[in-house]
Amino acid sequence: MQLLTFSVAGQSYAIPSRMVIEVLPLVPVRPIPLMPDFCLGVFCYRGTLVPLIDLGLRFGGARIGTSGASRLSTRVIVVECTMLSDAGPPTGHRLRLGVVAEDVVAVCSDDAAEGSLPAMDLGRAPFLGRLLRFSDRTVQVLLVEKLLPADLLAGLCQTDPAAKDAGANQR
């Protein structure tokens, strides 16, 4: 499997390249009140509003690019996947997300890994997948489909037709 690698807080992570739609420079974002801190808001991508997740904050650290001016290597990775809730069952809803990361510069193959460790079942971080050891670094694969908590996912992906109709009636 081909992986797009990047950094968050100096550590290497990867996303399966089949999920990546495009890599963009940092984009203007429209904040949404009362969202979790790691959800910076939404941005317009090809006519569609897409949630923007700061991986530094999602991992419990600092916002990416806040230690001074945004780094030139800071990018938005636009991904598309079938979302899963924290509990694991698929919601069946395809969602595009933008994720902010640094040093988005390399593609590698998991076949080139010298060793691996399976994903650990970490309740607070269900999005952390397996670890791969390469000669020059250790990379953790992200489970993008588990990046959003169930309550936030439900708000972004209203799959209940009654909820969708109720929203249309309020306009």
N, C-alpha and C. Protein backbone atom coordinates (compact mmCIF):
# COMPACT_ATOMS: atom_id res chain seq x y z
N MET A 1 0.85 -1.17 0.00
CA MET A 1 0.00 0.00 0.00
C MET A 1 0.90 1.24 0.00
N GLN A 2 0.57 2.21 -0.82
CA GLN A 2 1.30 3.47 -0.86
C GLN A 2 0.78 4.39 0.24
N LEU A 3 1.69 5.10 0.89
CA LEU A 3 1.36 5.99 2.00
C LEU A 3 1.91 7.38 1.75
N LEU A 4 1.11 8.40 2.07
CA LEU A 4 1.58 9.79 2.05
C LEU A 4 2.05 10.09 3.46
N THR A 5 3.32 10.48 3.62
CA THR A 5 3.87 10.73 4.95
C THR A 5 3.94 12.23 5.24
N PHE A 6 3.88 12.55 6.52
CA PHE A 6 3.92 13.94 6.98
C PHE A 6 4.31 13.94 8.45
N SER A 7 4.46 15.13 9.02
CA SER A 7 4.85 15.26 10.43
C SER A 7 3.79 15.98 11.22
N VAL A 8 3.70 15.60 12.49
CA VAL A 8 2.89 16.31 13.48
C VAL A 8 3.74 16.32 14.75
N ALA A 9 4.05 17.50 15.24
CA ALA A 9 4.87 17.66 16.45
C ALA A 9 6.18 16.88 16.35
N GLY A 10 6.79 16.89 15.16
CA GLY A 10 8.08 16.27 14.97
C GLY A 10 8.06 14.76 14.78
N GLN A 11 6.88 14.15 14.81
CA GLN A 11 6.75 12.70 14.64
C GLN A 11 6.17 12.39 13.26
N SER A 12 6.55 11.26 12.69
CA SER A 12 6.10 10.87 11.35
C SER A 12 4.81 10.07 11.40
N TYR A 13 3.90 10.45 10.51
CA TYR A 13 2.61 9.77 10.36
C TYR A 13 2.37 9.56 8.88
N ALA A 14 1.34 8.76 8.56
CA ALA A 14 1.01 8.50 7.16
C ALA A 14 -0.48 8.27 7.00
N ILE A 15 -0.94 8.54 5.79
CA ILE A 15 -2.32 8.27 5.38
C ILE A 15 -2.23 7.44 4.10
N PRO A 16 -3.04 6.39 3.98
CA PRO A 16 -3.05 5.65 2.72
C PRO A 16 -3.34 6.58 1.54
N SER A 17 -2.51 6.52 0.52
CA SER A 17 -2.63 7.47 -0.59
C SER A 17 -3.95 7.31 -1.35
N ARG A 18 -4.59 6.15 -1.28
CA ARG A 18 -5.87 5.97 -1.97
C ARG A 18 -6.96 6.88 -1.40
N MET A 19 -6.78 7.38 -0.18
CA MET A 19 -7.75 8.28 0.44
C MET A 19 -7.48 9.75 0.12
N VAL A 20 -6.29 10.04 -0.35
CA VAL A 20 -5.88 11.44 -0.58
C VAL A 20 -6.43 11.93 -1.91
N ILE A 21 -7.14 13.04 -1.87
CA ILE A 21 -7.66 13.66 -3.08
C ILE A 21 -6.67 14.70 -3.60
N GLU A 22 -6.16 15.54 -2.68
CA GLU A 22 -5.28 16.62 -3.09
C GLU A 22 -4.55 17.16 -1.87
N VAL A 23 -3.38 17.72 -2.10
CA VAL A 23 -2.62 18.40 -1.05
C VAL A 23 -2.59 19.88 -1.43
N LEU A 24 -3.03 20.73 -0.50
CA LEU A 24 -3.17 22.17 -0.75
C LEU A 24 -2.29 22.97 0.20
N PRO A 25 -1.95 24.20 -0.19
CA PRO A 25 -1.34 25.09 0.80
C PRO A 25 -2.37 25.41 1.87
N LEU A 26 -1.94 25.99 2.97
CA LEU A 26 -2.87 26.38 4.02
C LEU A 26 -3.97 27.25 3.43
N VAL A 27 -5.22 27.00 3.79
CA VAL A 27 -6.36 27.69 3.20
C VAL A 27 -7.07 28.53 4.25
N PRO A 28 -7.79 29.58 3.81
CA PRO A 28 -8.60 30.34 4.77
C PRO A 28 -9.73 29.45 5.30
N VAL A 29 -10.03 29.59 6.57
CA VAL A 29 -11.04 28.74 7.20
C VAL A 29 -12.11 29.62 7.85
N ARG A 30 -13.34 29.15 7.82
CA ARG A 30 -14.45 29.83 8.48
C ARG A 30 -14.72 29.08 9.78
N PRO A 31 -14.40 29.70 10.93
CA PRO A 31 -14.61 29.01 12.21
C PRO A 31 -16.11 28.75 12.46
N ILE A 32 -16.40 27.69 13.17
CA ILE A 32 -17.76 27.34 13.58
C ILE A 32 -17.79 27.41 15.11
N PRO A 33 -18.67 28.24 15.68
CA PRO A 33 -18.71 28.37 17.14
C PRO A 33 -18.99 27.03 17.84
N LEU A 34 -18.36 26.85 18.98
CA LEU A 34 -18.56 25.73 19.89
C LEU A 34 -18.10 24.37 19.35
N MET A 35 -17.32 24.38 18.30
CA MET A 35 -16.74 23.13 17.80
C MET A 35 -15.56 22.75 18.70
N PRO A 36 -15.19 21.48 18.73
CA PRO A 36 -13.98 21.10 19.48
C PRO A 36 -12.78 21.88 18.95
N ASP A 37 -11.80 22.14 19.79
CA ASP A 37 -10.67 22.97 19.38
C ASP A 37 -9.93 22.43 18.17
N PHE A 38 -9.87 21.11 18.00
CA PHE A 38 -9.13 20.55 16.87
C PHE A 38 -9.85 20.74 15.53
N CYS A 39 -11.14 21.06 15.56
CA CYS A 39 -11.88 21.33 14.33
C CYS A 39 -11.83 22.85 14.10
N LEU A 40 -10.97 23.25 13.19
CA LEU A 40 -10.73 24.68 12.97
C LEU A 40 -11.90 25.38 12.32
N GLY A 41 -12.79 24.64 11.69
CA GLY A 41 -13.95 25.19 11.00
C GLY A 41 -14.12 24.48 9.67
N VAL A 42 -14.58 25.23 8.68
CA VAL A 42 -14.79 24.67 7.34
C VAL A 42 -14.11 25.56 6.31
N PHE A 43 -13.76 24.96 5.17
CA PHE A 43 -13.24 25.73 4.05
C PHE A 43 -13.95 25.25 2.79
N CYS A 44 -13.91 26.08 1.77
CA CYS A 44 -14.57 25.74 0.52
C CYS A 44 -13.58 25.00 -0.38
N TYR A 45 -13.94 23.77 -0.73
CA TYR A 45 -13.12 22.97 -1.63
C TYR A 45 -13.97 22.57 -2.83
N ARG A 46 -13.66 23.16 -3.96
CA ARG A 46 -14.37 22.86 -5.21
C ARG A 46 -15.88 22.96 -5.05
N GLY A 47 -16.32 24.04 -4.36
CA GLY A 47 -17.74 24.31 -4.20
C GLY A 47 -18.42 23.60 -3.04
N THR A 48 -17.66 22.84 -2.25
CA THR A 48 -18.23 22.10 -1.12
C THR A 48 -17.54 22.54 0.16
N LEU A 49 -18.32 22.69 1.23
CA LEU A 49 -17.73 23.01 2.52
C LEU A 49 -17.16 21.74 3.14
N VAL A 50 -15.90 21.83 3.56
CA VAL A 50 -15.16 20.68 4.07
C VAL A 50 -14.64 21.03 5.46
N PRO A 51 -14.87 20.16 6.47
CA PRO A 51 -14.31 20.40 7.81
C PRO A 51 -12.78 20.35 7.76
N LEU A 52 -12.14 21.20 8.56
CA LEU A 52 -10.68 21.24 8.62
C LEU A 52 -10.23 20.86 10.02
N ILE A 53 -9.44 19.78 10.10
CA ILE A 53 -8.97 19.24 11.38
C ILE A 53 -7.48 19.53 11.53
N ASP A 54 -7.10 20.12 12.66
CA ASP A 54 -5.70 20.35 12.97
C ASP A 54 -5.19 19.11 13.71
N LEU A 55 -4.29 18.36 13.08
CA LEU A 55 -3.82 17.12 13.69
C LEU A 55 -3.02 17.36 14.96
N GLY A 56 -2.33 18.50 15.06
CA GLY A 56 -1.60 18.81 16.29
C GLY A 56 -2.54 18.88 17.47
N LEU A 57 -3.67 19.58 17.30
CA LEU A 57 -4.66 19.67 18.37
C LEU A 57 -5.41 18.36 18.57
N ARG A 58 -5.68 17.65 17.50
CA ARG A 58 -6.41 16.36 17.61
C ARG A 58 -5.59 15.35 18.41
N PHE A 59 -4.27 15.43 18.29
CA PHE A 59 -3.40 14.52 19.02
C PHE A 59 -3.14 15.00 20.44
N GLY A 60 -3.76 16.10 20.85
CA GLY A 60 -3.62 16.58 22.21
C GLY A 60 -2.45 17.52 22.43
N GLY A 61 -1.87 18.03 21.36
CA GLY A 61 -0.73 18.93 21.47
C GLY A 61 -1.11 20.35 21.10
N ALA A 62 -0.18 21.03 20.47
CA ALA A 62 -0.38 22.43 20.07
C ALA A 62 -0.85 22.52 18.63
N ARG A 63 -1.49 23.63 18.33
CA ARG A 63 -1.94 23.88 16.97
C ARG A 63 -0.74 23.93 16.03
N ILE A 64 -0.88 23.34 14.86
CA ILE A 64 0.21 23.32 13.88
C ILE A 64 0.42 24.73 13.33
N GLY A 65 1.69 25.14 13.28
CA GLY A 65 2.03 26.44 12.71
C GLY A 65 1.89 27.60 13.66
N THR A 66 1.66 27.37 14.97
CA THR A 66 1.49 28.48 15.90
C THR A 66 2.77 28.89 16.60
N SER A 67 3.85 28.15 16.41
CA SER A 67 5.11 28.55 17.02
C SER A 67 5.81 29.54 16.10
N GLY A 68 5.19 30.69 15.93
CA GLY A 68 5.67 31.68 14.96
C GLY A 68 4.79 31.65 13.74
N ALA A 69 5.30 32.13 12.63
CA ALA A 69 4.52 32.13 11.39
C ALA A 69 4.33 30.70 10.90
N SER A 70 3.25 30.49 10.17
CA SER A 70 3.02 29.16 9.60
C SER A 70 4.20 28.77 8.75
N ARG A 71 4.62 27.53 8.90
CA ARG A 71 5.77 27.05 8.15
C ARG A 71 5.40 26.87 6.69
N LEU A 72 6.37 27.01 5.83
CA LEU A 72 6.13 26.82 4.41
C LEU A 72 5.71 25.38 4.11
N SER A 73 6.09 24.46 4.96
CA SER A 73 5.75 23.05 4.72
C SER A 73 4.38 22.67 5.27
N THR A 74 3.67 23.61 5.91
CA THR A 74 2.34 23.31 6.43
C THR A 74 1.37 23.19 5.26
N ARG A 75 0.63 22.09 5.24
CA ARG A 75 -0.29 21.80 4.14
C ARG A 75 -1.62 21.29 4.66
N VAL A 76 -2.62 21.35 3.79
CA VAL A 76 -3.92 20.75 4.04
C VAL A 76 -4.01 19.53 3.13
N ILE A 77 -4.21 18.38 3.72
CA ILE A 77 -4.39 17.15 2.96
C ILE A 77 -5.89 16.90 2.89
N VAL A 78 -6.44 16.94 1.69
CA VAL A 78 -7.88 16.68 1.50
C VAL A 78 -8.03 15.18 1.28
N VAL A 79 -8.83 14.55 2.15
CA VAL A 79 -9.05 13.10 2.09
C VAL A 79 -10.53 12.81 1.97
N GLU A 80 -10.84 11.63 1.46
CA GLU A 80 -12.22 11.16 1.41
C GLU A 80 -12.25 9.72 1.89
N CYS A 81 -13.21 9.42 2.77
CA CYS A 81 -13.31 8.07 3.30
C CYS A 81 -14.72 7.82 3.79
N THR A 82 -15.03 6.56 4.06
CA THR A 82 -16.28 6.19 4.70
C THR A 82 -16.06 6.31 6.19
N MET A 83 -16.83 7.16 6.83
CA MET A 83 -16.59 7.46 8.23
C MET A 83 -17.05 6.33 9.14
N LEU A 84 -16.29 6.13 10.23
CA LEU A 84 -16.63 5.18 11.27
C LEU A 84 -16.85 5.96 12.56
N SER A 85 -17.74 5.48 13.40
CA SER A 85 -17.92 6.11 14.70
C SER A 85 -16.80 5.64 15.62
N ASP A 86 -16.69 6.25 16.79
CA ASP A 86 -15.69 5.82 17.78
C ASP A 86 -15.88 4.36 18.14
N ALA A 87 -17.12 3.89 18.14
CA ALA A 87 -17.41 2.51 18.50
C ALA A 87 -17.01 1.54 17.40
N GLY A 88 -16.80 2.04 16.18
CA GLY A 88 -16.31 1.18 15.12
C GLY A 88 -17.24 0.91 13.97
N PRO A 89 -18.57 0.81 14.15
CA PRO A 89 -19.39 0.47 13.00
C PRO A 89 -19.42 1.60 11.97
N PRO A 90 -19.39 1.26 10.69
CA PRO A 90 -19.40 2.31 9.67
C PRO A 90 -20.71 3.07 9.67
N THR A 91 -20.62 4.36 9.45
CA THR A 91 -21.82 5.16 9.31
C THR A 91 -22.33 5.05 7.88
N GLY A 92 -21.47 4.60 6.98
CA GLY A 92 -21.85 4.47 5.58
C GLY A 92 -21.79 5.78 4.82
N HIS A 93 -21.44 6.85 5.48
CA HIS A 93 -21.43 8.16 4.85
C HIS A 93 -20.01 8.50 4.39
N ARG A 94 -19.88 8.85 3.12
CA ARG A 94 -18.58 9.29 2.60
C ARG A 94 -18.43 10.76 2.95
N LEU A 95 -17.28 11.09 3.48
CA LEU A 95 -17.04 12.46 3.92
C LEU A 95 -15.66 12.89 3.47
N ARG A 96 -15.59 14.14 3.05
CA ARG A 96 -14.28 14.75 2.77
C ARG A 96 -13.87 15.54 3.99
N LEU A 97 -12.60 15.44 4.30
CA LEU A 97 -12.00 16.17 5.42
C LEU A 97 -10.73 16.83 4.94
N GLY A 98 -10.41 17.96 5.52
CA GLY A 98 -9.09 18.55 5.35
C GLY A 98 -8.34 18.35 6.65
N VAL A 99 -7.11 17.88 6.57
CA VAL A 99 -6.29 17.71 7.77
C VAL A 99 -5.03 18.54 7.61
N VAL A 100 -4.70 19.31 8.64
CA VAL A 100 -3.52 20.17 8.61
C VAL A 100 -2.34 19.39 9.17
N ALA A 101 -1.25 19.37 8.40
CA ALA A 101 -0.03 18.67 8.80
C ALA A 101 1.18 19.43 8.27
N GLU A 102 2.36 19.04 8.71
CA GLU A 102 3.61 19.66 8.26
C GLU A 102 4.46 18.64 7.52
N ASP A 103 5.39 19.15 6.74
CA ASP A 103 6.35 18.32 6.02
C ASP A 103 5.67 17.22 5.20
N VAL A 104 4.63 17.61 4.47
CA VAL A 104 3.91 16.66 3.61
C VAL A 104 4.74 16.56 2.34
N VAL A 105 5.71 15.65 2.36
CA VAL A 105 6.68 15.65 1.27
C VAL A 105 6.96 14.31 0.62
N ALA A 106 6.54 13.20 1.22
CA ALA A 106 7.01 11.92 0.70
C ALA A 106 5.89 10.90 0.58
N VAL A 107 6.06 10.02 -0.39
CA VAL A 107 5.21 8.86 -0.55
C VAL A 107 6.12 7.64 -0.36
N CYS A 108 5.64 6.67 0.40
CA CYS A 108 6.41 5.44 0.58
C CYS A 108 5.47 4.26 0.52
N SER A 109 6.04 3.08 0.48
CA SER A 109 5.24 1.85 0.43
C SER A 109 5.40 1.10 1.75
N ASP A 110 4.30 0.57 2.25
CA ASP A 110 4.42 -0.21 3.48
C ASP A 110 5.20 -1.51 3.25
N ASP A 111 5.34 -1.92 1.99
CA ASP A 111 6.16 -3.10 1.67
C ASP A 111 7.64 -2.88 2.00
N ALA A 112 8.07 -1.60 2.01
CA ALA A 112 9.47 -1.29 2.28
C ALA A 112 9.78 -1.26 3.77
N ALA A 113 8.76 -1.39 4.62
CA ALA A 113 8.98 -1.36 6.06
C ALA A 113 9.78 -2.57 6.51
N GLU A 114 10.71 -2.35 7.43
CA GLU A 114 11.54 -3.42 7.97
C GLU A 114 10.81 -4.19 9.06
N GLY A 115 9.81 -3.58 9.63
CA GLY A 115 9.04 -4.22 10.69
C GLY A 115 7.79 -3.43 10.97
N SER A 116 6.85 -4.04 11.68
CA SER A 116 5.63 -3.32 12.02
C SER A 116 5.08 -3.81 13.35
N LEU A 117 4.27 -2.98 13.94
CA LEU A 117 3.57 -3.28 15.18
C LEU A 117 2.11 -3.00 14.93
N PRO A 118 1.20 -3.93 15.23
CA PRO A 118 -0.22 -3.68 14.96
C PRO A 118 -0.74 -2.50 15.76
N ALA A 119 -1.89 -1.97 15.33
CA ALA A 119 -2.53 -0.87 16.04
C ALA A 119 -2.88 -1.31 17.45
N MET A 120 -2.71 -0.38 18.39
CA MET A 120 -3.09 -0.65 19.77
C MET A 120 -4.49 -0.12 19.99
N ASP A 121 -5.26 -0.74 20.83
CA ASP A 121 -6.62 -0.31 21.10
C ASP A 121 -6.58 0.79 22.17
N LEU A 122 -6.46 2.03 21.70
CA LEU A 122 -6.39 3.18 22.60
C LEU A 122 -7.73 3.90 22.56
N GLY A 123 -8.49 3.79 23.62
CA GLY A 123 -9.84 4.36 23.66
C GLY A 123 -9.93 5.83 23.28
N ARG A 124 -8.99 6.64 23.74
CA ARG A 124 -9.03 8.07 23.44
C ARG A 124 -8.45 8.42 22.09
N ALA A 125 -7.80 7.47 21.44
CA ALA A 125 -7.18 7.74 20.15
C ALA A 125 -7.44 6.58 19.17
N PRO A 126 -8.70 6.37 18.81
CA PRO A 126 -9.02 5.25 17.92
C PRO A 126 -8.47 5.44 16.51
N PHE A 127 -8.01 6.64 16.21
CA PHE A 127 -7.51 6.97 14.88
C PHE A 127 -6.04 6.60 14.68
N LEU A 128 -5.36 6.12 15.72
CA LEU A 128 -3.96 5.73 15.59
C LEU A 128 -3.87 4.28 15.16
N GLY A 129 -3.27 4.04 14.00
CA GLY A 129 -3.14 2.70 13.45
C GLY A 129 -1.78 2.10 13.72
N ARG A 130 -1.39 1.19 12.87
CA ARG A 130 -0.16 0.43 13.08
C ARG A 130 1.10 1.29 12.91
N LEU A 131 2.17 0.82 13.51
CA LEU A 131 3.48 1.47 13.41
C LEU A 131 4.33 0.70 12.41
N LEU A 132 5.02 1.44 11.55
CA LEU A 132 5.92 0.85 10.56
C LEU A 132 7.32 1.36 10.81
N ARG A 133 8.30 0.47 10.80
CA ARG A 133 9.69 0.86 10.99
C ARG A 133 10.42 0.81 9.66
N PHE A 134 10.93 1.97 9.26
CA PHE A 134 11.78 2.07 8.07
C PHE A 134 13.20 2.31 8.55
N SER A 135 14.18 2.25 7.67
CA SER A 135 15.57 2.39 8.08
C SER A 135 15.85 3.74 8.73
N ASP A 136 15.13 4.78 8.33
CA ASP A 136 15.41 6.12 8.82
C ASP A 136 14.38 6.70 9.78
N ARG A 137 13.26 5.98 10.00
CA ARG A 137 12.21 6.54 10.88
C ARG A 137 11.14 5.50 11.16
N THR A 138 10.32 5.82 12.16
CA THR A 138 9.14 5.03 12.47
C THR A 138 7.93 5.88 12.12
N VAL A 139 6.99 5.29 11.41
CA VAL A 139 5.81 6.01 10.91
C VAL A 139 4.56 5.34 11.46
N GLN A 140 3.62 6.16 11.96
CA GLN A 140 2.35 5.61 12.41
C GLN A 140 1.28 5.94 11.39
N VAL A 141 0.55 4.91 10.97
CA VAL A 141 -0.51 5.09 9.98
C VAL A 141 -1.77 5.57 10.69
N LEU A 142 -2.40 6.60 10.14
CA LEU A 142 -3.64 7.12 10.72
C LEU A 142 -4.84 6.43 10.11
N LEU A 143 -5.83 6.17 10.94
CA LEU A 143 -7.11 5.66 10.48
C LEU A 143 -8.01 6.89 10.32
N VAL A 144 -7.94 7.50 9.15
CA VAL A 144 -8.63 8.77 8.89
C VAL A 144 -10.12 8.64 9.17
N GLU A 145 -10.68 7.47 8.87
CA GLU A 145 -12.11 7.26 9.05
C GLU A 145 -12.55 7.32 10.52
N LYS A 146 -11.58 7.35 11.45
CA LYS A 146 -11.90 7.42 12.87
C LYS A 146 -11.42 8.74 13.51
N LEU A 147 -11.07 9.72 12.69
CA LEU A 147 -10.55 10.98 13.23
C LEU A 147 -11.59 11.78 14.00
N LEU A 148 -12.85 11.67 13.62
CA LEU A 148 -13.89 12.47 14.26
C LEU A 148 -14.66 11.67 15.30
N PRO A 149 -14.93 12.26 16.46
CA PRO A 149 -15.76 11.58 17.46
C PRO A 149 -17.20 11.43 16.94
N ALA A 150 -17.92 10.46 17.47
CA ALA A 150 -19.27 10.13 16.99
C ALA A 150 -20.22 11.33 17.02
N ASP A 151 -20.18 12.13 18.10
CA ASP A 151 -21.11 13.26 18.18
C ASP A 151 -20.84 14.31 17.11
N LEU A 152 -19.58 14.59 16.84
CA LEU A 152 -19.23 15.55 15.80
C LEU A 152 -19.56 14.98 14.42
N LEU A 153 -19.29 13.73 14.24
CA LEU A 153 -19.60 13.06 12.98
C LEU A 153 -21.10 13.12 12.69
N ALA A 154 -21.92 12.88 13.71
CA ALA A 154 -23.37 12.92 13.54
C ALA A 154 -23.83 14.31 13.09
N GLY A 155 -23.20 15.34 13.62
CA GLY A 155 -23.57 16.70 13.23
C GLY A 155 -23.16 17.04 11.81
N LEU A 156 -22.05 16.51 11.36
CA LEU A 156 -21.56 16.79 10.01
C LEU A 156 -22.22 15.93 8.95
N CYS A 157 -22.67 14.75 9.34
CA CYS A 157 -23.22 13.77 8.39
C CYS A 157 -24.61 13.36 8.83
N GLN A 158 -25.57 14.16 8.56
CA GLN A 158 -26.94 13.79 8.91
C GLN A 158 -27.43 12.76 7.91
N THR A 159 -27.43 11.50 8.33
CA THR A 159 -27.87 10.43 7.44
C THR A 159 -29.32 10.04 7.70
N ASP A 160 -29.93 10.56 8.78
CA ASP A 160 -31.33 10.27 9.09
C ASP A 160 -32.21 11.17 8.22
N PRO A 161 -33.04 10.61 7.31
CA PRO A 161 -33.87 11.44 6.43
C PRO A 161 -34.79 12.37 7.21
N ALA A 162 -35.29 11.94 8.37
CA ALA A 162 -36.17 12.80 9.16
C ALA A 162 -35.42 14.04 9.63
N ALA A 163 -34.17 13.88 10.03
CA ALA A 163 -33.36 15.02 10.48
C ALA A 163 -33.09 15.95 9.32
N LYS A 164 -32.85 15.38 8.14
CA LYS A 164 -32.59 16.19 6.96
C LYS A 164 -33.83 17.00 6.59
N ASP A 165 -35.02 16.36 6.64
CA ASP A 165 -36.26 17.05 6.33
C ASP A 165 -36.54 18.13 7.34
N ALA A 166 -36.28 17.86 8.63
CA ALA A 166 -36.51 18.86 9.68
C ALA A 166 -35.65 20.08 9.44
N GLY A 167 -34.39 19.85 9.02
CA GLY A 167 -33.49 20.98 8.73
C GLY A 167 -34.01 21.80 7.56
N ALA A 168 -34.55 21.14 6.55
CA ALA A 168 -35.07 21.85 5.37
C ALA A 168 -36.30 22.65 5.73
N ASN A 169 -37.11 22.14 6.67
CA ASN A 169 -38.34 22.84 7.07
C ASN A 169 -38.05 24.09 7.90
N GLN A 170 -36.85 24.15 8.50
CA GLN A 170 -36.51 25.30 9.34
C GLN A 170 -36.04 26.49 8.51
N ARG A 171 -35.76 26.30 7.25
CA ARG A 171 -35.24 27.40 6.43
C ARG A 171 -36.30 28.32 5.97
